[in-house]
Amino acid sequence: MLPRRLHPRTLAHAPELATLVGLEKLLFLATRVLLAEHATLSQQPPVASRGEPATLREGRRVLCRIKTLQQALRRYQHAALDALAPPPADDEELPF
């Protein structure tokens, strides 16, 4: 998860991070809404039954994909921030 606030200079160099923060918030909200609507989705492991409504089955699939997308977003965000970090100093420049 990204920091609560991104520095304007960071956004100037990687503006896509602003959209990804918004997407992260929407995925969080979608998860909460699905869990509120279908409380059984919070059971670990998820319990599926033959007679379950299609909305419950599809809700389970959506939650699974949300988790996968959140992981991909975190990896991208870390990669983007790492790319903006200054390069490490050469060992030859150490004072000892």
PDB file of N, CA and C in Angstrom:
ATOM      1  N   MET A   1       0.841  -1.177   0.000  1.00  0.00           N
ATOM      2  CA  MET A   1       0.000   0.000   0.000  1.00  0.00           C
ATOM      3  C   MET A   1       0.885   1.238   0.000  1.00  0.00           C
ATOM      4  N   LEU A   2       0.489   2.206  -0.764  1.00  0.00           N
ATOM      5  CA  LEU A   2       1.244   3.450  -0.861  1.00  0.00           C
ATOM      6  C   LEU A   2       1.060   4.288   0.397  1.00  0.00           C
ATOM      7  N   PRO A   3       1.990   5.209   0.628  1.00  0.00           N
ATOM      8  CA  PRO A   3       1.801   6.120   1.751  1.00  0.00           C
ATOM      9  C   PRO A   3       0.484   6.879   1.590  1.00  0.00           C
ATOM     10  N   ARG A   4      -0.029   7.391   2.694  1.00  0.00           N
ATOM     11  CA  ARG A   4      -1.307   8.122   2.639  1.00  0.00           C
ATOM     12  C   ARG A   4      -1.259   9.285   1.668  1.00  0.00           C
ATOM     13  N   ARG A   5      -0.124   9.961   1.627  1.00  0.00           N
ATOM     14  CA  ARG A   5       0.017  11.107   0.728  1.00  0.00           C
ATOM     15  C   ARG A   5       1.303  10.945  -0.056  1.00  0.00           C
ATOM     16  N   LEU A   6       1.201  11.229  -1.324  1.00  0.00           N
ATOM     17  CA  LEU A   6       2.389  11.211  -2.172  1.00  0.00           C
ATOM     18  C   LEU A   6       2.875  12.639  -2.361  1.00  0.00           C
ATOM     19  N   HIS A   7       4.160  12.811  -2.312  1.00  0.00           N
ATOM     20  CA  HIS A   7       4.753  14.130  -2.494  1.00  0.00           C
ATOM     21  C   HIS A   7       4.494  14.590  -3.929  1.00  0.00           C
ATOM     22  N   PRO A   8       4.202  15.867  -4.120  1.00  0.00           N
ATOM     23  CA  PRO A   8       3.953  16.374  -5.478  1.00  0.00           C
ATOM     24  C   PRO A   8       5.084  16.069  -6.459  1.00  0.00           C
ATOM     25  N   ARG A   9       6.326  16.079  -5.983  1.00  0.00           N
ATOM     26  CA  ARG A   9       7.450  15.761  -6.879  1.00  0.00           C
ATOM     27  C   ARG A   9       7.389  14.301  -7.331  1.00  0.00           C
ATOM     28  N   THR A  10       6.965  13.425  -6.418  1.00  0.00           N
ATOM     29  CA  THR A  10       6.815  12.019  -6.782  1.00  0.00           C
ATOM     30  C   THR A  10       5.758  11.880  -7.866  1.00  0.00           C
ATOM     31  N   LEU A  11       4.638  12.570  -7.691  1.00  0.00           N
ATOM     32  CA  LEU A  11       3.565  12.510  -8.678  1.00  0.00           C
ATOM     33  C   LEU A  11       3.969  13.140 -10.011  1.00  0.00           C
ATOM     34  N   ALA A  12       4.842  14.132  -9.963  1.00  0.00           N
ATOM     35  CA  ALA A  12       5.314  14.746 -11.206  1.00  0.00           C
ATOM     36  C   ALA A  12       6.122  13.752 -12.034  1.00  0.00           C
ATOM     37  N   HIS A  13       6.857  12.885 -11.361  1.00  0.00           N
ATOM     38  CA  HIS A  13       7.695  11.901 -12.049  1.00  0.00           C
ATOM     39  C   HIS A  13       6.961  10.599 -12.343  1.00  0.00           C
ATOM     40  N   ALA A  14       5.937  10.294 -11.569  1.00  0.00           N
ATOM     41  CA  ALA A  14       5.170   9.053 -11.757  1.00  0.00           C
ATOM     42  C   ALA A  14       3.688   9.347 -11.530  1.00  0.00           C
ATOM     43  N   PRO A  15       3.058  10.079 -12.442  1.00  0.00           N
ATOM     44  CA  PRO A  15       1.661  10.488 -12.236  1.00  0.00           C
ATOM     45  C   PRO A  15       0.686   9.326 -12.160  1.00  0.00           C
ATOM     46  N   GLU A  16       1.055   8.188 -12.710  1.00  0.00           N
ATOM     47  CA  GLU A  16       0.161   7.031 -12.652  1.00  0.00           C
ATOM     48  C   GLU A  16      -0.096   6.569 -11.228  1.00  0.00           C
ATOM     49  N   LEU A  17       0.794   6.914 -10.316  1.00  0.00           N
ATOM     50  CA  LEU A  17       0.614   6.509  -8.918  1.00  0.00           C
ATOM     51  C   LEU A  17      -0.649   7.120  -8.321  1.00  0.00           C
ATOM     52  N   ALA A  18      -1.030   8.306  -8.773  1.00  0.00           N
ATOM     53  CA  ALA A  18      -2.257   8.936  -8.263  1.00  0.00           C
ATOM     54  C   ALA A  18      -3.476   8.093  -8.626  1.00  0.00           C
ATOM     55  N   THR A  19      -3.531   7.619  -9.844  1.00  0.00           N
ATOM     56  CA  THR A  19      -4.646   6.777 -10.274  1.00  0.00           C
ATOM     57  C   THR A  19      -4.634   5.452  -9.527  1.00  0.00           C
ATOM     58  N   LEU A  20      -3.450   4.918  -9.311  1.00  0.00           N
ATOM     59  CA  LEU A  20      -3.350   3.635  -8.610  1.00  0.00           C
ATOM     60  C   LEU A  20      -3.803   3.758  -7.157  1.00  0.00           C
ATOM     61  N   VAL A  21      -3.539   4.902  -6.534  1.00  0.00           N
ATOM     62  CA  VAL A  21      -4.030   5.130  -5.166  1.00  0.00           C
ATOM     63  C   VAL A  21      -5.556   5.127  -5.173  1.00  0.00           C
ATOM     64  N   GLY A  22      -6.160   5.802  -6.156  1.00  0.00           N
ATOM     65  CA  GLY A  22      -7.617   5.814  -6.256  1.00  0.00           C
ATOM     66  C   GLY A  22      -8.172   4.414  -6.475  1.00  0.00           C
ATOM     67  N   LEU A  23      -7.540   3.653  -7.341  1.00  0.00           N
ATOM     68  CA  LEU A  23      -7.972   2.279  -7.590  1.00  0.00           C
ATOM     69  C   LEU A  23      -7.861   1.433  -6.334  1.00  0.00           C
ATOM     70  N   GLU A  24      -6.787   1.626  -5.592  1.00  0.00           N
ATOM     71  CA  GLU A  24      -6.591   0.905  -4.330  1.00  0.00           C
ATOM     72  C   GLU A  24      -7.756   1.176  -3.367  1.00  0.00           C
ATOM     73  N   LYS A  25      -8.163   2.425  -3.279  1.00  0.00           N
ATOM     74  CA  LYS A  25      -9.276   2.799  -2.384  1.00  0.00           C
ATOM     75  C   LYS A  25     -10.587   2.165  -2.857  1.00  0.00           C
ATOM     76  N   LEU A  26     -10.818   2.157  -4.171  1.00  0.00           N
ATOM     77  CA  LEU A  26     -12.040   1.552  -4.707  1.00  0.00           C
ATOM     78  C   LEU A  26     -12.067   0.038  -4.470  1.00  0.00           C
ATOM     79  N   LEU A  27     -10.933  -0.605  -4.602  1.00  0.00           N
ATOM     80  CA  LEU A  27     -10.879  -2.050  -4.342  1.00  0.00           C
ATOM     81  C   LEU A  27     -11.158  -2.342  -2.873  1.00  0.00           C
ATOM     82  N   PHE A  28     -10.641  -1.497  -1.988  1.00  0.00           N
ATOM     83  CA  PHE A  28     -10.911  -1.645  -0.559  1.00  0.00           C
ATOM     84  C   PHE A  28     -12.413  -1.517  -0.300  1.00  0.00           C
ATOM     85  N   LEU A  29     -13.013  -0.500  -0.899  1.00  0.00           N
ATOM     86  CA  LEU A  29     -14.450  -0.271  -0.729  1.00  0.00           C
ATOM     87  C   LEU A  29     -15.265  -1.428  -1.304  1.00  0.00           C
ATOM     88  N   ALA A  30     -14.905  -1.903  -2.487  1.00  0.00           N
ATOM     89  CA  ALA A  30     -15.624  -3.026  -3.105  1.00  0.00           C
ATOM     90  C   ALA A  30     -15.555  -4.266  -2.223  1.00  0.00           C
ATOM     91  N   THR A  31     -14.413  -4.496  -1.616  1.00  0.00           N
ATOM     92  CA  THR A  31     -14.263  -5.642  -0.705  1.00  0.00           C
ATOM     93  C   THR A  31     -15.212  -5.505   0.474  1.00  0.00           C
ATOM     94  N   ARG A  32     -15.241  -4.330   1.070  1.00  0.00           N
ATOM     95  CA  ARG A  32     -16.103  -4.114   2.246  1.00  0.00           C
ATOM     96  C   ARG A  32     -17.581  -4.264   1.894  1.00  0.00           C
ATOM     97  N   VAL A  33     -17.976  -3.755   0.739  1.00  0.00           N
ATOM     98  CA  VAL A  33     -19.374  -3.837   0.325  1.00  0.00           C
ATOM     99  C   VAL A  33     -19.769  -5.290   0.066  1.00  0.00           C
ATOM    100  N   LEU A  34     -18.915  -6.037  -0.610  1.00  0.00           N
ATOM    101  CA  LEU A  34     -19.221  -7.452  -0.863  1.00  0.00           C
ATOM    102  C   LEU A  34     -19.323  -8.236   0.438  1.00  0.00           C
ATOM    103  N   LEU A  35     -18.424  -7.969   1.371  1.00  0.00           N
ATOM    104  CA  LEU A  35     -18.464  -8.672   2.658  1.00  0.00           C
ATOM    105  C   LEU A  35     -19.693  -8.276   3.469  1.00  0.00           C
ATOM    106  N   ALA A  36     -20.129  -7.034   3.332  1.00  0.00           N
ATOM    107  CA  ALA A  36     -21.341  -6.603   4.041  1.00  0.00           C
ATOM    108  C   ALA A  36     -22.576  -7.277   3.456  1.00  0.00           C
ATOM    109  N   GLU A  37     -22.589  -7.426   2.151  1.00  0.00           N
ATOM    110  CA  GLU A  37     -23.734  -8.042   1.480  1.00  0.00           C
ATOM    111  C   GLU A  37     -23.774  -9.560   1.668  1.00  0.00           C
ATOM    112  N   HIS A  38     -22.597 -10.170   1.657  1.00  0.00           N
ATOM    113  CA  HIS A  38     -22.495 -11.636   1.763  1.00  0.00           C
ATOM    114  C   HIS A  38     -21.522 -11.972   2.891  1.00  0.00           C
ATOM    115  N   ALA A  39     -22.019 -12.000   4.097  1.00  0.00           N
ATOM    116  CA  ALA A  39     -21.156 -12.214   5.276  1.00  0.00           C
ATOM    117  C   ALA A  39     -20.395 -13.532   5.205  1.00  0.00           C
ATOM    118  N   THR A  40     -20.953 -14.540   4.539  1.00  0.00           N
ATOM    119  CA  THR A  40     -20.270 -15.834   4.473  1.00  0.00           C
ATOM    120  C   THR A  40     -18.993 -15.770   3.644  1.00  0.00           C
ATOM    121  N   LEU A  41     -18.812 -14.710   2.871  1.00  0.00           N
ATOM    122  CA  LEU A  41     -17.574 -14.567   2.099  1.00  0.00           C
ATOM    123  C   LEU A  41     -16.362 -14.369   3.009  1.00  0.00           C
ATOM    124  N   SER A  42     -16.593 -13.962   4.238  1.00  0.00           N
ATOM    125  CA  SER A  42     -15.475 -13.723   5.152  1.00  0.00           C
ATOM    126  C   SER A  42     -15.001 -14.996   5.841  1.00  0.00           C
ATOM    127  N   GLN A  43     -15.698 -16.106   5.644  1.00  0.00           N
ATOM    128  CA  GLN A  43     -15.278 -17.369   6.252  1.00  0.00           C
ATOM    129  C   GLN A  43     -13.980 -17.849   5.617  1.00  0.00           C
ATOM    130  N   GLN A  44     -13.111 -18.350   6.451  1.00  0.00           N
ATOM    131  CA  GLN A  44     -11.835 -18.883   5.966  1.00  0.00           C
ATOM    132  C   GLN A  44     -11.749 -20.362   6.248  1.00  0.00           C
ATOM    133  N   PRO A  45     -11.550 -21.224   5.306  1.00  0.00           N
ATOM    134  CA  PRO A  45     -11.593 -20.923   3.877  1.00  0.00           C
ATOM    135  C   PRO A  45     -13.026 -20.686   3.448  1.00  0.00           C
ATOM    136  N   PRO A  46     -13.202 -20.001   2.318  1.00  0.00           N
ATOM    137  CA  PRO A  46     -14.572 -19.750   1.859  1.00  0.00           C
ATOM    138  C   PRO A  46     -15.321 -21.061   1.647  1.00  0.00           C
ATOM    139  N   VAL A  47     -16.536 -21.102   2.110  1.00  0.00           N
ATOM    140  CA  VAL A  47     -17.339 -22.313   2.007  1.00  0.00           C
ATOM    141  C   VAL A  47     -18.330 -22.149   0.860  1.00  0.00           C
ATOM    142  N   ALA A  48     -18.212 -23.010  -0.140  1.00  0.00           N
ATOM    143  CA  ALA A  48     -19.143 -22.972  -1.271  1.00  0.00           C
ATOM    144  C   ALA A  48     -20.137 -24.113  -1.121  1.00  0.00           C
ATOM    145  N   SER A  49     -21.360 -23.863  -1.519  1.00  0.00           N
ATOM    146  CA  SER A  49     -22.365 -24.918  -1.499  1.00  0.00           C
ATOM    147  C   SER A  49     -23.097 -24.929  -2.832  1.00  0.00           C
ATOM    148  N   ARG A  50     -23.686 -26.080  -3.155  1.00  0.00           N
ATOM    149  CA  ARG A  50     -24.372 -26.224  -4.448  1.00  0.00           C
ATOM    150  C   ARG A  50     -25.534 -25.259  -4.606  1.00  0.00           C
ATOM    151  N   GLY A  51     -26.253 -25.014  -3.558  1.00  0.00           N
ATOM    152  CA  GLY A  51     -27.445 -24.188  -3.653  1.00  0.00           C
ATOM    153  C   GLY A  51     -27.211 -22.705  -3.445  1.00  0.00           C
ATOM    154  N   GLU A  52     -25.950 -22.280  -3.418  1.00  0.00           N
ATOM    155  CA  GLU A  52     -25.698 -20.864  -3.152  1.00  0.00           C
ATOM    156  C   GLU A  52     -26.124 -19.997  -4.335  1.00  0.00           C
ATOM    157  N   PRO A  53     -26.541 -18.766  -4.035  1.00  0.00           N
ATOM    158  CA  PRO A  53     -26.935 -17.860  -5.117  1.00  0.00           C
ATOM    159  C   PRO A  53     -25.738 -17.525  -6.014  1.00  0.00           C
ATOM    160  N   ALA A  54     -26.041 -17.208  -7.252  1.00  0.00           N
ATOM    161  CA  ALA A  54     -24.983 -16.849  -8.198  1.00  0.00           C
ATOM    162  C   ALA A  54     -24.220 -15.609  -7.725  1.00  0.00           C
ATOM    163  N   THR A  55     -24.917 -14.692  -7.054  1.00  0.00           N
ATOM    164  CA  THR A  55     -24.233 -13.478  -6.579  1.00  0.00           C
ATOM    165  C   THR A  55     -23.167 -13.814  -5.540  1.00  0.00           C
ATOM    166  N   LEU A  56     -23.431 -14.817  -4.718  1.00  0.00           N
ATOM    167  CA  LEU A  56     -22.444 -15.227  -3.718  1.00  0.00           C
ATOM    168  C   LEU A  56     -21.238 -15.869  -4.397  1.00  0.00           C
ATOM    169  N   ARG A  57     -21.503 -16.763  -5.341  1.00  0.00           N
ATOM    170  CA  ARG A  57     -20.425 -17.436  -6.073  1.00  0.00           C
ATOM    171  C   ARG A  57     -19.560 -16.412  -6.815  1.00  0.00           C
ATOM    172  N   GLU A  58     -20.223 -15.480  -7.499  1.00  0.00           N
ATOM    173  CA  GLU A  58     -19.477 -14.476  -8.256  1.00  0.00           C
ATOM    174  C   GLU A  58     -18.777 -13.482  -7.334  1.00  0.00           C
ATOM    175  N   GLY A  59     -19.384 -13.184  -6.202  1.00  0.00           N
ATOM    176  CA  GLY A  59     -18.733 -12.333  -5.209  1.00  0.00           C
ATOM    177  C   GLY A  59     -17.426 -12.934  -4.731  1.00  0.00           C
ATOM    178  N   ARG A  60     -17.428 -14.246  -4.535  1.00  0.00           N
ATOM    179  CA  ARG A  60     -16.209 -14.952  -4.124  1.00  0.00           C
ATOM    180  C   ARG A  60     -15.126 -14.806  -5.195  1.00  0.00           C
ATOM    181  N   ARG A  61     -15.540 -14.930  -6.455  1.00  0.00           N
ATOM    182  CA  ARG A  61     -14.581 -14.792  -7.559  1.00  0.00           C
ATOM    183  C   ARG A  61     -14.027 -13.370  -7.637  1.00  0.00           C
ATOM    184  N   VAL A  62     -14.908 -12.393  -7.440  1.00  0.00           N
ATOM    185  CA  VAL A  62     -14.469 -10.993  -7.470  1.00  0.00           C
ATOM    186  C   VAL A  62     -13.456 -10.740  -6.357  1.00  0.00           C
ATOM    187  N   LEU A  63     -13.733 -11.218  -5.153  1.00  0.00           N
ATOM    188  CA  LEU A  63     -12.804 -11.021  -4.036  1.00  0.00           C
ATOM    189  C   LEU A  63     -11.440 -11.645  -4.326  1.00  0.00           C
ATOM    190  N   CYS A  64     -11.449 -12.797  -4.944  1.00  0.00           N
ATOM    191  CA  CYS A  64     -10.195 -13.458  -5.292  1.00  0.00           C
ATOM    192  C   CYS A  64      -9.398 -12.603  -6.278  1.00  0.00           C
ATOM    193  N   ARG A  65     -10.075 -12.050  -7.250  1.00  0.00           N
ATOM    194  CA  ARG A  65      -9.397 -11.219  -8.244  1.00  0.00           C
ATOM    195  C   ARG A  65      -8.974  -9.872  -7.675  1.00  0.00           C
ATOM    196  N   ILE A  66      -9.749  -9.355  -6.741  1.00  0.00           N
ATOM    197  CA  ILE A  66      -9.354  -8.109  -6.065  1.00  0.00           C
ATOM    198  C   ILE A  66      -8.037  -8.327  -5.339  1.00  0.00           C
ATOM    199  N   LYS A  67      -7.919  -9.428  -4.633  1.00  0.00           N
ATOM    200  CA  LYS A  67      -6.687  -9.716  -3.892  1.00  0.00           C
ATOM    201  C   LYS A  67      -5.497  -9.815  -4.848  1.00  0.00           C
ATOM    202  N   THR A  68      -5.692 -10.493  -5.963  1.00  0.00           N
ATOM    203  CA  THR A  68      -4.622 -10.628  -6.954  1.00  0.00           C
ATOM    204  C   THR A  68      -4.242  -9.262  -7.525  1.00  0.00           C
ATOM    205  N   LEU A  69      -5.236  -8.445  -7.825  1.00  0.00           N
ATOM    206  CA  LEU A  69      -4.971  -7.113  -8.365  1.00  0.00           C
ATOM    207  C   LEU A  69      -4.268  -6.233  -7.338  1.00  0.00           C
ATOM    208  N   GLN A  70      -4.667  -6.314  -6.083  1.00  0.00           N
ATOM    209  CA  GLN A  70      -4.004  -5.528  -5.033  1.00  0.00           C
ATOM    210  C   GLN A  70      -2.526  -5.901  -4.925  1.00  0.00           C
ATOM    211  N   GLN A  71      -2.235  -7.168  -5.032  1.00  0.00           N
ATOM    212  CA  GLN A  71      -0.838  -7.612  -4.975  1.00  0.00           C
ATOM    213  C   GLN A  71      -0.045  -7.071  -6.162  1.00  0.00           C
ATOM    214  N   ALA A  72      -0.646  -7.106  -7.349  1.00  0.00           N
ATOM    215  CA  ALA A  72       0.016  -6.578  -8.538  1.00  0.00           C
ATOM    216  C   ALA A  72       0.231  -5.063  -8.415  1.00  0.00           C
ATOM    217  N   LEU A  73      -0.760  -4.361  -7.875  1.00  0.00           N
ATOM    218  CA  LEU A  73      -0.621  -2.918  -7.676  1.00  0.00           C
ATOM    219  C   LEU A  73       0.520  -2.598  -6.721  1.00  0.00           C
ATOM    220  N   ARG A  74       0.604  -3.359  -5.634  1.00  0.00           N
ATOM    221  CA  ARG A  74       1.702  -3.134  -4.669  1.00  0.00           C
ATOM    222  C   ARG A  74       3.060  -3.351  -5.329  1.00  0.00           C
ATOM    223  N   ARG A  75       3.182  -4.407  -6.132  1.00  0.00           N
ATOM    224  CA  ARG A  75       4.457  -4.665  -6.814  1.00  0.00           C
ATOM    225  C   ARG A  75       4.801  -3.527  -7.769  1.00  0.00           C
ATOM    226  N   TYR A  76       3.807  -3.049  -8.513  1.00  0.00           N
ATOM    227  CA  TYR A  76       4.060  -1.947  -9.443  1.00  0.00           C
ATOM    228  C   TYR A  76       4.458  -0.687  -8.680  1.00  0.00           C
ATOM    229  N   GLN A  77       3.731  -0.383  -7.622  1.00  0.00           N
ATOM    230  CA  GLN A  77       4.017   0.826  -6.850  1.00  0.00           C
ATOM    231  C   GLN A  77       5.427   0.789  -6.271  1.00  0.00           C
ATOM    232  N   HIS A  78       5.827  -0.352  -5.756  1.00  0.00           N
ATOM    233  CA  HIS A  78       7.196  -0.478  -5.224  1.00  0.00           C
ATOM    234  C   HIS A  78       8.219  -0.304  -6.346  1.00  0.00           C
ATOM    235  N   ALA A  79       7.947  -0.896  -7.494  1.00  0.00           N
ATOM    236  CA  ALA A  79       8.872  -0.765  -8.620  1.00  0.00           C
ATOM    237  C   ALA A  79       8.971   0.687  -9.079  1.00  0.00           C
ATOM    238  N   ALA A  80       7.837   1.378  -9.139  1.00  0.00           N
ATOM    239  CA  ALA A  80       7.836   2.779  -9.566  1.00  0.00           C
ATOM    240  C   ALA A  80       8.597   3.647  -8.571  1.00  0.00           C
ATOM    241  N   LEU A  81       8.373   3.436  -7.290  1.00  0.00           N
ATOM    242  CA  LEU A  81       9.077   4.233  -6.277  1.00  0.00           C
ATOM    243  C   LEU A  81      10.566   3.904  -6.254  1.00  0.00           C
ATOM    244  N   ASP A  82      10.903   2.634  -6.449  1.00  0.00           N
ATOM    245  CA  ASP A  82      12.321   2.251  -6.510  1.00  0.00           C
ATOM    246  C   ASP A  82      13.006   2.909  -7.703  1.00  0.00           C
ATOM    247  N   ALA A  83      12.283   3.011  -8.822  1.00  0.00           N
ATOM    248  CA  ALA A  83      12.856   3.636 -10.010  1.00  0.00           C
ATOM    249  C   ALA A  83      13.114   5.127  -9.798  1.00  0.00           C
ATOM    250  N   LEU A  84      12.360   5.740  -8.908  1.00  0.00           N
ATOM    251  CA  LEU A  84      12.539   7.168  -8.624  1.00  0.00           C
ATOM    252  C   LEU A  84      13.627   7.433  -7.583  1.00  0.00           C
ATOM    253  N   ALA A  85      14.028   6.404  -6.859  1.00  0.00           N
ATOM    254  CA  ALA A  85      15.029   6.571  -5.801  1.00  0.00           C
ATOM    255  C   ALA A  85      16.382   6.899  -6.430  1.00  0.00           C
ATOM    256  N   PRO A  86      17.165   7.717  -5.751  1.00  0.00           N
ATOM    257  CA  PRO A  86      18.495   8.026  -6.291  1.00  0.00           C
ATOM    258  C   PRO A  86      19.358   6.761  -6.314  1.00  0.00           C
ATOM    259  N   PRO A  87      20.243   6.655  -7.293  1.00  0.00           N
ATOM    260  CA  PRO A  87      21.099   5.464  -7.353  1.00  0.00           C
ATOM    261  C   PRO A  87      22.026   5.415  -6.145  1.00  0.00           C
ATOM    262  N   PRO A  88      22.365   4.211  -5.689  1.00  0.00           N
ATOM    263  CA  PRO A  88      23.265   4.109  -4.541  1.00  0.00           C
ATOM    264  C   PRO A  88      24.646   4.643  -4.904  1.00  0.00           C
ATOM    265  N   ALA A  89      25.310   5.177  -3.900  1.00  0.00           N
ATOM    266  CA  ALA A  89      26.659   5.726  -4.104  1.00  0.00           C
ATOM    267  C   ALA A  89      27.630   4.582  -4.376  1.00  0.00           C
ATOM    268  N   ASP A  90      28.662   4.873  -5.167  1.00  0.00           N
ATOM    269  CA  ASP A  90      29.698   3.869  -5.438  1.00  0.00           C
ATOM    270  C   ASP A  90      30.475   3.595  -4.173  1.00  0.00           C
ATOM    271  N   ASP A  91      30.930   2.351  -4.026  1.00  0.00           N
ATOM    272  CA  ASP A  91      31.726   1.984  -2.855  1.00  0.00           C
ATOM    273  C   ASP A  91      33.036   2.756  -2.815  1.00  0.00           C
ATOM    274  N   GLU A  92      33.523   3.172  -3.980  1.00  0.00           N
ATOM    275  CA  GLU A  92      34.794   3.887  -4.034  1.00  0.00           C
ATOM    276  C   GLU A  92      34.708   5.264  -3.383  1.00  0.00           C
ATOM    277  N   GLU A  93      33.531   5.779  -3.214  1.00  0.00           N
ATOM    278  CA  GLU A  93      33.375   7.107  -2.651  1.00  0.00           C
ATOM    279  C   GLU A  93      33.282   7.103  -1.117  1.00  0.00           C
ATOM    280  N   LEU A  94      33.346   5.914  -0.517  1.00  0.00           N
ATOM    281  CA  LEU A  94      33.287   5.845   0.938  1.00  0.00           C
ATOM    282  C   LEU A  94      34.565   6.429   1.537  1.00  0.00           C
ATOM    283  N   PRO A  95      34.463   7.132   2.668  1.00  0.00           N
ATOM    284  CA  PRO A  95      35.635   7.822   3.230  1.00  0.00           C
ATOM    285  C   PRO A  95      36.639   6.894   3.913  1.00  0.00           C
ATOM    286  N   PHE A  96      36.416   5.615   3.932  1.00  0.00           N
ATOM    287  CA  PHE A  96      37.387   4.746   4.613  1.00  0.00           C
ATOM    288  C   PHE A  96      37.913   3.674   3.706  1.00  0.00           C
TER     289      PHE A  96
END
